[in-house]
């Protein structure tokens, strides 16, 4: 697995996780809520950015994204990457 380095800290990419299916009952309830005019499932448009490079900019406090978008980028980065702990003697 390839590792990346951002501001002197090494990260490795996590293995892909299998997403869980919704139960039949939850699928029905979700559909009923949408038919009743609920806003469920309508996600906010997210910026089209490279997560890794934007995360590096956030760490350097040079990002031009809004606070919500910065939080989203950080959560996506930490979901996909884990810090590598170096062996310290």
PDB file of N, CA and C in Angstrom:
ATOM      1  N   UNK A   1       0.831  -1.181   0.000  1.00  0.00           N
ATOM      2  CA  UNK A   1       0.000   0.000   0.000  1.00  0.00           C
ATOM      3  C   UNK A   1       0.878   1.248   0.000  1.00  0.00           C
ATOM      4  N   UNK A   2       0.524   2.209  -0.768  1.00  0.00           N
ATOM      5  CA  UNK A   2       1.305   3.421  -0.915  1.00  0.00           C
ATOM      6  C   UNK A   2       1.041   4.364   0.254  1.00  0.00           C
ATOM      7  N   UNK A   3       2.069   5.059   0.687  1.00  0.00           N
ATOM      8  CA  UNK A   3       1.897   6.025   1.760  1.00  0.00           C
ATOM      9  C   UNK A   3       2.130   7.429   1.203  1.00  0.00           C
ATOM     10  N   UNK A   4       1.553   8.409   1.889  1.00  0.00           N
ATOM     11  CA  UNK A   4       1.731   9.806   1.508  1.00  0.00           C
ATOM     12  C   UNK A   4       2.247  10.553   2.726  1.00  0.00           C
ATOM     13  N   UNK A   5       2.891  11.675   2.491  1.00  0.00           N
ATOM     14  CA  UNK A   5       3.400  12.487   3.589  1.00  0.00           C
ATOM     15  C   UNK A   5       2.834  13.887   3.459  1.00  0.00           C
ATOM     16  N   UNK A   6       2.264  14.381   4.552  1.00  0.00           N
ATOM     17  CA  UNK A   6       1.708  15.729   4.594  1.00  0.00           C
ATOM     18  C   UNK A   6       2.264  16.411   5.831  1.00  0.00           C
ATOM     19  N   UNK A   7       3.004  17.479   5.628  1.00  0.00           N
ATOM     20  CA  UNK A   7       3.603  18.256   6.708  1.00  0.00           C
ATOM     21  C   UNK A   7       4.405  17.385   7.674  1.00  0.00           C
ATOM     22  N   UNK A   8       5.167  16.443   7.145  1.00  0.00           N
ATOM     23  CA  UNK A   8       6.030  15.609   7.961  1.00  0.00           C
ATOM     24  C   UNK A   8       5.361  14.411   8.606  1.00  0.00           C
ATOM     25  N   UNK A   9       4.080  14.213   8.392  1.00  0.00           N
ATOM     26  CA  UNK A   9       3.345  13.081   8.957  1.00  0.00           C
ATOM     27  C   UNK A   9       2.975  12.136   7.827  1.00  0.00           C
ATOM     28  N   UNK A  10       3.278  10.853   8.004  1.00  0.00           N
ATOM     29  CA  UNK A  10       2.979   9.870   6.974  1.00  0.00           C
ATOM     30  C   UNK A  10       1.610   9.246   7.222  1.00  0.00           C
ATOM     31  N   UNK A  11       0.883   9.018   6.122  1.00  0.00           N
ATOM     32  CA  UNK A  11      -0.445   8.404   6.175  1.00  0.00           C
ATOM     33  C   UNK A  11      -0.473   7.260   5.167  1.00  0.00           C
ATOM     34  N   UNK A  12      -1.276   6.245   5.465  1.00  0.00           N
ATOM     35  CA  UNK A  12      -1.496   5.172   4.505  1.00  0.00           C
ATOM     36  C   UNK A  12      -2.987   5.089   4.233  1.00  0.00           C
ATOM     37  N   UNK A  13      -3.308   4.643   3.034  1.00  0.00           N
ATOM     38  CA  UNK A  13      -4.709   4.563   2.644  1.00  0.00           C
ATOM     39  C   UNK A  13      -5.350   3.328   3.265  1.00  0.00           C
ATOM     40  N   UNK A  14      -6.550   3.501   3.800  1.00  0.00           N
ATOM     41  CA  UNK A  14      -7.294   2.391   4.394  1.00  0.00           C
ATOM     42  C   UNK A  14      -7.823   1.478   3.311  1.00  0.00           C
ATOM     43  N   UNK A  15      -8.084   0.249   3.685  1.00  0.00           N
ATOM     44  CA  UNK A  15      -8.716  -0.674   2.751  1.00  0.00           C
ATOM     45  C   UNK A  15     -10.169  -0.261   2.584  1.00  0.00           C
ATOM     46  N   UNK A  16     -10.714  -0.534   1.404  1.00  0.00           N
ATOM     47  CA  UNK A  16     -12.108  -0.186   1.127  1.00  0.00           C
ATOM     48  C   UNK A  16     -13.026  -1.010   2.013  1.00  0.00           C
ATOM     49  N   UNK A  17     -14.026  -0.342   2.582  1.00  0.00           N
ATOM     50  CA  UNK A  17     -14.986  -1.019   3.441  1.00  0.00           C
ATOM     51  C   UNK A  17     -16.244  -1.328   2.650  1.00  0.00           C
ATOM     52  N   UNK A  18     -16.846  -2.450   2.962  1.00  0.00           N
ATOM     53  CA  UNK A  18     -18.090  -2.841   2.314  1.00  0.00           C
ATOM     54  C   UNK A  18     -19.230  -2.113   3.016  1.00  0.00           C
ATOM     55  N   UNK A  19     -20.049  -1.411   2.240  1.00  0.00           N
ATOM     56  CA  UNK A  19     -21.160  -0.686   2.842  1.00  0.00           C
ATOM     57  C   UNK A  19     -22.300  -1.650   3.154  1.00  0.00           C
ATOM     58  N   UNK A  20     -22.997  -1.348   4.237  1.00  0.00           N
ATOM     59  CA  UNK A  20     -24.104  -2.201   4.671  1.00  0.00           C
ATOM     60  C   UNK A  20     -25.376  -1.801   3.935  1.00  0.00           C
ATOM     61  N   UNK A  21     -26.197  -2.783   3.646  1.00  0.00           N
ATOM     62  CA  UNK A  21     -27.478  -2.516   3.004  1.00  0.00           C
ATOM     63  C   UNK A  21     -28.490  -2.087   4.063  1.00  0.00           C
ATOM     64  N   UNK A  22     -29.432  -1.231   3.647  1.00  0.00           N
ATOM     65  CA  UNK A  22     -30.515  -0.847   4.544  1.00  0.00           C
ATOM     66  C   UNK A  22     -31.518  -1.983   4.643  1.00  0.00           C
ATOM     67  N   UNK A  23     -32.142  -2.098   5.796  1.00  0.00           N
ATOM     68  CA  UNK A  23     -33.159  -3.130   5.953  1.00  0.00           C
ATOM     69  C   UNK A  23     -34.387  -2.764   5.117  1.00  0.00           C
ATOM     70  N   UNK A  24     -35.224  -3.732   4.875  1.00  0.00           N
ATOM     71  CA  UNK A  24     -36.425  -3.509   4.075  1.00  0.00           C
ATOM     72  C   UNK A  24     -37.332  -2.472   4.729  1.00  0.00           C
ATOM     73  N   UNK A  25     -37.440  -2.529   6.048  1.00  0.00           N
ATOM     74  CA  UNK A  25     -38.290  -1.574   6.775  1.00  0.00           C
ATOM     75  C   UNK A  25     -37.747  -0.158   6.630  1.00  0.00           C
ATOM     76  N   UNK A  26     -36.431   0.006   6.778  1.00  0.00           N
ATOM     77  CA  UNK A  26     -35.841   1.338   6.650  1.00  0.00           C
ATOM     78  C   UNK A  26     -36.002   1.882   5.232  1.00  0.00           C
ATOM     79  N   UNK A  27     -35.898   1.019   4.242  1.00  0.00           N
ATOM     80  CA  UNK A  27     -36.079   1.439   2.852  1.00  0.00           C
ATOM     81  C   UNK A  27     -37.500   1.941   2.637  1.00  0.00           C
ATOM     82  N   UNK A  28     -38.475   1.233   3.200  1.00  0.00           N
ATOM     83  CA  UNK A  28     -39.882   1.654   3.072  1.00  0.00           C
ATOM     84  C   UNK A  28     -40.109   2.989   3.770  1.00  0.00           C
ATOM     85  N   UNK A  29     -39.589   3.151   4.988  1.00  0.00           N
ATOM     86  CA  UNK A  29     -39.768   4.391   5.732  1.00  0.00           C
ATOM     87  C   UNK A  29     -39.100   5.568   5.014  1.00  0.00           C
ATOM     88  N   UNK A  30     -37.942   5.322   4.452  1.00  0.00           N
ATOM     89  CA  UNK A  30     -37.216   6.341   3.705  1.00  0.00           C
ATOM     90  C   UNK A  30     -38.031   6.791   2.491  1.00  0.00           C
ATOM     91  N   UNK A  31     -38.590   5.830   1.762  1.00  0.00           N
ATOM     92  CA  UNK A  31     -39.421   6.142   0.605  1.00  0.00           C
ATOM     93  C   UNK A  31     -40.670   6.918   0.982  1.00  0.00           C
ATOM     94  N   UNK A  32     -41.312   6.528   2.084  1.00  0.00           N
ATOM     95  CA  UNK A  32     -42.519   7.232   2.543  1.00  0.00           C
ATOM     96  C   UNK A  32     -42.189   8.671   2.930  1.00  0.00           C
ATOM     97  N   UNK A  33     -41.040   8.870   3.594  1.00  0.00           N
ATOM     98  CA  UNK A  33     -40.647  10.220   3.997  1.00  0.00           C
ATOM     99  C   UNK A  33     -40.402  11.095   2.776  1.00  0.00           C
ATOM    100  N   UNK A  34     -39.794  10.524   1.738  1.00  0.00           N
ATOM    101  CA  UNK A  34     -39.561  11.296   0.514  1.00  0.00           C
ATOM    102  C   UNK A  34     -40.873  11.664  -0.167  1.00  0.00           C
ATOM    103  N   UNK A  35     -41.839  10.749  -0.163  1.00  0.00           N
ATOM    104  CA  UNK A  35     -43.134  11.027  -0.792  1.00  0.00           C
ATOM    105  C   UNK A  35     -43.892  12.108  -0.053  1.00  0.00           C
ATOM    106  N   UNK A  36     -43.644  12.219   1.259  1.00  0.00           N
ATOM    107  CA  UNK A  36     -44.347  13.227   2.055  1.00  0.00           C
ATOM    108  C   UNK A  36     -43.649  14.582   2.000  1.00  0.00           C
ATOM    109  N   UNK A  37     -42.639  14.692   1.155  1.00  0.00           N
ATOM    110  CA  UNK A  37     -41.985  15.987   0.966  1.00  0.00           C
ATOM    111  C   UNK A  37     -40.804  16.220   1.880  1.00  0.00           C
ATOM    112  N   UNK A  38     -40.282  15.189   2.497  1.00  0.00           N
ATOM    113  CA  UNK A  38     -39.110  15.344   3.351  1.00  0.00           C
ATOM    114  C   UNK A  38     -37.879  15.656   2.530  1.00  0.00           C
ATOM    115  N   UNK A  39     -36.910  16.250   3.162  1.00  0.00           N
ATOM    116  CA  UNK A  39     -35.687  16.609   2.444  1.00  0.00           C
ATOM    117  C   UNK A  39     -34.614  15.550   2.643  1.00  0.00           C
ATOM    118  N   UNK A  40     -35.007  14.376   3.078  1.00  0.00           N
ATOM    119  CA  UNK A  40     -34.052  13.305   3.324  1.00  0.00           C
ATOM    120  C   UNK A  40     -33.402  12.877   2.019  1.00  0.00           C
ATOM    121  N   UNK A  41     -32.114  12.662   2.076  1.00  0.00           N
ATOM    122  CA  UNK A  41     -31.403  12.201   0.899  1.00  0.00           C
ATOM    123  C   UNK A  41     -30.898  13.315   0.004  1.00  0.00           C
ATOM    124  N   UNK A  42     -31.314  14.535   0.271  1.00  0.00           N
ATOM    125  CA  UNK A  42     -30.824  15.656  -0.537  1.00  0.00           C
ATOM    126  C   UNK A  42     -29.580  16.198   0.149  1.00  0.00           C
ATOM    127  N   UNK A  43     -28.451  15.777  -0.350  1.00  0.00           N
ATOM    128  CA  UNK A  43     -27.201  16.185   0.269  1.00  0.00           C
ATOM    129  C   UNK A  43     -26.741  17.522  -0.283  1.00  0.00           C
ATOM    130  N   UNK A  44     -25.996  18.235   0.552  1.00  0.00           N
ATOM    131  CA  UNK A  44     -25.416  19.500   0.127  1.00  0.00           C
ATOM    132  C   UNK A  44     -24.371  19.212  -0.947  1.00  0.00           C
ATOM    133  N   UNK A  45     -24.300  20.074  -1.921  1.00  0.00           N
ATOM    134  CA  UNK A  45     -23.277  19.920  -2.952  1.00  0.00           C
ATOM    135  C   UNK A  45     -21.920  20.138  -2.317  1.00  0.00           C
ATOM    136  N   UNK A  46     -21.034  19.213  -2.569  1.00  0.00           N
ATOM    137  CA  UNK A  46     -19.692  19.300  -2.007  1.00  0.00           C
ATOM    138  C   UNK A  46     -18.721  19.790  -3.069  1.00  0.00           C
ATOM    139  N   UNK A  47     -17.655  20.438  -2.645  1.00  0.00           N
ATOM    140  CA  UNK A  47     -16.702  20.973  -3.626  1.00  0.00           C
ATOM    141  C   UNK A  47     -15.970  19.856  -4.359  1.00  0.00           C
ATOM    142  N   UNK A  48     -15.655  20.106  -5.611  1.00  0.00           N
ATOM    143  CA  UNK A  48     -14.889  19.163  -6.422  1.00  0.00           C
ATOM    144  C   UNK A  48     -13.412  19.483  -6.207  1.00  0.00           C
ATOM    145  N   UNK A  49     -12.843  18.918  -5.149  1.00  0.00           N
ATOM    146  CA  UNK A  49     -11.441  19.164  -4.821  1.00  0.00           C
ATOM    147  C   UNK A  49     -10.729  17.842  -4.606  1.00  0.00           C
ATOM    148  N   UNK A  50      -9.403  17.898  -4.718  1.00  0.00           N
ATOM    149  CA  UNK A  50      -8.583  16.739  -4.385  1.00  0.00           C
ATOM    150  C   UNK A  50      -8.455  16.713  -2.868  1.00  0.00           C
ATOM    151  N   UNK A  51      -8.962  15.656  -2.247  1.00  0.00           N
ATOM    152  CA  UNK A  51      -9.015  15.565  -0.782  1.00  0.00           C
ATOM    153  C   UNK A  51      -7.617  15.688  -0.171  1.00  0.00           C
ATOM    154  N   UNK A  52      -6.638  15.014  -0.762  1.00  0.00           N
ATOM    155  CA  UNK A  52      -5.289  14.998  -0.185  1.00  0.00           C
ATOM    156  C   UNK A  52      -4.644  16.379  -0.243  1.00  0.00           C
ATOM    157  N   UNK A  53      -4.690  17.019  -1.406  1.00  0.00           N
ATOM    158  CA  UNK A  53      -4.048  18.333  -1.526  1.00  0.00           C
ATOM    159  C   UNK A  53      -4.801  19.385  -0.713  1.00  0.00           C
ATOM    160  N   UNK A  54      -6.117  19.290  -0.676  1.00  0.00           N
ATOM    161  CA  UNK A  54      -6.890  20.257   0.110  1.00  0.00           C
ATOM    162  C   UNK A  54      -6.659  20.052   1.605  1.00  0.00           C
ATOM    163  N   UNK A  55      -6.488  18.785   2.038  1.00  0.00           N
ATOM    164  CA  UNK A  55      -6.183  18.510   3.443  1.00  0.00           C
ATOM    165  C   UNK A  55      -4.843  19.139   3.823  1.00  0.00           C
ATOM    166  N   UNK A  56      -3.857  19.045   2.911  1.00  0.00           N
ATOM    167  CA  UNK A  56      -2.556  19.668   3.170  1.00  0.00           C
ATOM    168  C   UNK A  56      -2.707  21.183   3.314  1.00  0.00           C
ATOM    169  N   UNK A  57      -3.526  21.806   2.469  1.00  0.00           N
ATOM    170  CA  UNK A  57      -3.760  23.248   2.577  1.00  0.00           C
ATOM    171  C   UNK A  57      -4.445  23.610   3.886  1.00  0.00           C
ATOM    172  N   UNK A  58      -5.371  22.765   4.329  1.00  0.00           N
ATOM    173  CA  UNK A  58      -6.068  23.009   5.597  1.00  0.00           C
ATOM    174  C   UNK A  58      -5.070  22.954   6.744  1.00  0.00           C
ATOM    175  N   UNK A  59      -4.157  21.967   6.713  1.00  0.00           N
ATOM    176  CA  UNK A  59      -3.160  21.842   7.769  1.00  0.00           C
ATOM    177  C   UNK A  59      -2.231  23.060   7.810  1.00  0.00           C
ATOM    178  N   UNK A  60      -1.975  23.656   6.655  1.00  0.00           N
ATOM    179  CA  UNK A  60      -1.118  24.841   6.574  1.00  0.00           C
ATOM    180  C   UNK A  60      -1.905  26.135   6.757  1.00  0.00           C
ATOM    181  N   UNK A  61      -3.223  26.013   6.969  1.00  0.00           N
ATOM    182  CA  UNK A  61      -4.128  27.156   7.130  1.00  0.00           C
ATOM    183  C   UNK A  61      -4.122  28.061   5.898  1.00  0.00           C
ATOM    184  N   UNK A  62      -4.092  27.438   4.705  1.00  0.00           N
ATOM    185  CA  UNK A  62      -4.091  28.181   3.443  1.00  0.00           C
ATOM    186  C   UNK A  62      -5.285  27.824   2.565  1.00  0.00           C
ATOM    187  N   UNK A  63      -6.259  27.116   3.111  1.00  0.00           N
ATOM    188  CA  UNK A  63      -7.409  26.680   2.334  1.00  0.00           C
ATOM    189  C   UNK A  63      -8.393  27.828   2.146  1.00  0.00           C
ATOM    190  N   UNK A  64      -9.022  27.869   0.988  1.00  0.00           N
ATOM    191  CA  UNK A  64     -10.026  28.902   0.703  1.00  0.00           C
ATOM    192  C   UNK A  64     -11.453  28.376   0.839  1.00  0.00           C
ATOM    193  N   UNK A  65     -11.617  27.170   1.377  1.00  0.00           N
ATOM    194  CA  UNK A  65     -12.949  26.593   1.533  1.00  0.00           C
ATOM    195  C   UNK A  65     -13.649  27.166   2.758  1.00  0.00           C
ATOM    196  N   UNK A  66     -14.969  27.040   2.768  1.00  0.00           N
ATOM    197  CA  UNK A  66     -15.736  27.458   3.943  1.00  0.00           C
ATOM    198  C   UNK A  66     -15.455  26.494   5.094  1.00  0.00           C
ATOM    199  N   UNK A  67     -15.829  26.879   6.296  1.00  0.00           N
ATOM    200  CA  UNK A  67     -15.575  26.044   7.476  1.00  0.00           C
ATOM    201  C   UNK A  67     -16.258  24.685   7.340  1.00  0.00           C
ATOM    202  N   UNK A  68     -17.493  24.663   6.835  1.00  0.00           N
ATOM    203  CA  UNK A  68     -18.206  23.389   6.665  1.00  0.00           C
ATOM    204  C   UNK A  68     -17.513  22.492   5.640  1.00  0.00           C
ATOM    205  N   UNK A  69     -17.056  23.076   4.557  1.00  0.00           N
ATOM    206  CA  UNK A  69     -16.368  22.289   3.538  1.00  0.00           C
ATOM    207  C   UNK A  69     -15.020  21.780   4.044  1.00  0.00           C
ATOM    208  N   UNK A  70     -14.333  22.592   4.867  1.00  0.00           N
ATOM    209  CA  UNK A  70     -13.070  22.127   5.453  1.00  0.00           C
ATOM    210  C   UNK A  70     -13.311  20.941   6.380  1.00  0.00           C
ATOM    211  N   UNK A  71     -14.363  21.009   7.182  1.00  0.00           N
ATOM    212  CA  UNK A  71     -14.691  19.883   8.062  1.00  0.00           C
ATOM    213  C   UNK A  71     -15.015  18.640   7.252  1.00  0.00           C
ATOM    214  N   UNK A  72     -15.719  18.824   6.142  1.00  0.00           N
ATOM    215  CA  UNK A  72     -16.068  17.687   5.295  1.00  0.00           C
ATOM    216  C   UNK A  72     -14.811  17.065   4.690  1.00  0.00           C
ATOM    217  N   UNK A  73     -13.886  17.903   4.211  1.00  0.00           N
ATOM    218  CA  UNK A  73     -12.636  17.398   3.630  1.00  0.00           C
ATOM    219  C   UNK A  73     -11.850  16.618   4.689  1.00  0.00           C
ATOM    220  N   UNK A  74     -11.757  17.165   5.903  1.00  0.00           N
ATOM    221  CA  UNK A  74     -11.033  16.475   6.966  1.00  0.00           C
ATOM    222  C   UNK A  74     -11.676  15.129   7.289  1.00  0.00           C
ATOM    223  N   UNK A  75     -12.997  15.091   7.361  1.00  0.00           N
ATOM    224  CA  UNK A  75     -13.670  13.826   7.680  1.00  0.00           C
ATOM    225  C   UNK A  75     -13.457  12.796   6.571  1.00  0.00           C
ATOM    226  N   UNK A  76     -13.484  13.245   5.317  1.00  0.00           N
ATOM    227  CA  UNK A  76     -13.244  12.330   4.200  1.00  0.00           C
ATOM    228  C   UNK A  76     -11.806  11.831   4.209  1.00  0.00           C
ATOM    229  N   UNK A  77     -10.863  12.715   4.533  1.00  0.00           N
ATOM    230  CA  UNK A  77      -9.462  12.306   4.584  1.00  0.00           C
ATOM    231  C   UNK A  77      -9.255  11.266   5.672  1.00  0.00           C
ATOM    232  N   UNK A  78      -9.755  11.534   6.889  1.00  0.00           N
ATOM    233  CA  UNK A  78      -9.568  10.592   7.991  1.00  0.00           C
ATOM    234  C   UNK A  78     -10.348   9.300   7.783  1.00  0.00           C
ATOM    235  N   UNK A  79     -11.400   9.330   6.996  1.00  0.00           N
ATOM    236  CA  UNK A  79     -12.131   8.117   6.665  1.00  0.00           C
ATOM    237  C   UNK A  79     -11.304   7.226   5.733  1.00  0.00           C
ATOM    238  N   UNK A  80     -10.515   7.841   4.861  1.00  0.00           N
ATOM    239  CA  UNK A  80      -9.763   7.101   3.853  1.00  0.00           C
ATOM    240  C   UNK A  80      -8.292   6.872   4.184  1.00  0.00           C
ATOM    241  N   UNK A  81      -7.735   7.617   5.149  1.00  0.00           N
ATOM    242  CA  UNK A  81      -6.317   7.507   5.468  1.00  0.00           C
ATOM    243  C   UNK A  81      -6.109   7.369   6.968  1.00  0.00           C
ATOM    244  N   UNK A  82      -5.037   6.658   7.345  1.00  0.00           N
ATOM    245  CA  UNK A  82      -4.668   6.472   8.737  1.00  0.00           C
ATOM    246  C   UNK A  82      -3.217   6.888   8.903  1.00  0.00           C
ATOM    247  N   UNK A  83      -2.919   7.560  10.012  1.00  0.00           N
ATOM    248  CA  UNK A  83      -1.552   7.979  10.278  1.00  0.00           C
ATOM    249  C   UNK A  83      -0.679   6.761  10.558  1.00  0.00           C
ATOM    250  N   UNK A  84       0.520   6.765   9.989  1.00  0.00           N
ATOM    251  CA  UNK A  84       1.464   5.676  10.209  1.00  0.00           C
ATOM    252  C   UNK A  84       2.315   6.036  11.415  1.00  0.00           C
ATOM    253  N   UNK A  85       2.332   5.144  12.394  1.00  0.00           N
ATOM    254  CA  UNK A  85       3.160   5.388  13.580  1.00  0.00           C
ATOM    255  C   UNK A  85       4.554   4.853  13.323  1.00  0.00           C
ATOM    256  N   UNK A  86       5.519   5.733  13.397  1.00  0.00           N
ATOM    257  CA  UNK A  86       6.913   5.362  13.174  1.00  0.00           C
ATOM    258  C   UNK A  86       7.440   4.644  14.419  1.00  0.00           C
ATOM    259  N   UNK A  87       8.358   3.699  14.224  1.00  0.00           N
ATOM    260  CA  UNK A  87       9.013   3.037  15.351  1.00  0.00           C
ATOM    261  C   UNK A  87       9.978   4.014  15.986  1.00  0.00           C
ATOM    262  N   UNK A  88       9.728   4.334  17.229  1.00  0.00           N
ATOM    263  CA  UNK A  88      10.589   5.289  17.934  1.00  0.00           C
ATOM    264  C   UNK A  88      11.425   4.532  18.947  1.00  0.00           C
ATOM    265  N   UNK A  89      12.707   4.812  18.939  1.00  0.00           N
ATOM    266  CA  UNK A  89      13.627   4.142  19.873  1.00  0.00           C
ATOM    267  C   UNK A  89      13.987   5.055  21.005  1.00  0.00           C
TER     268      UNK A  89
END
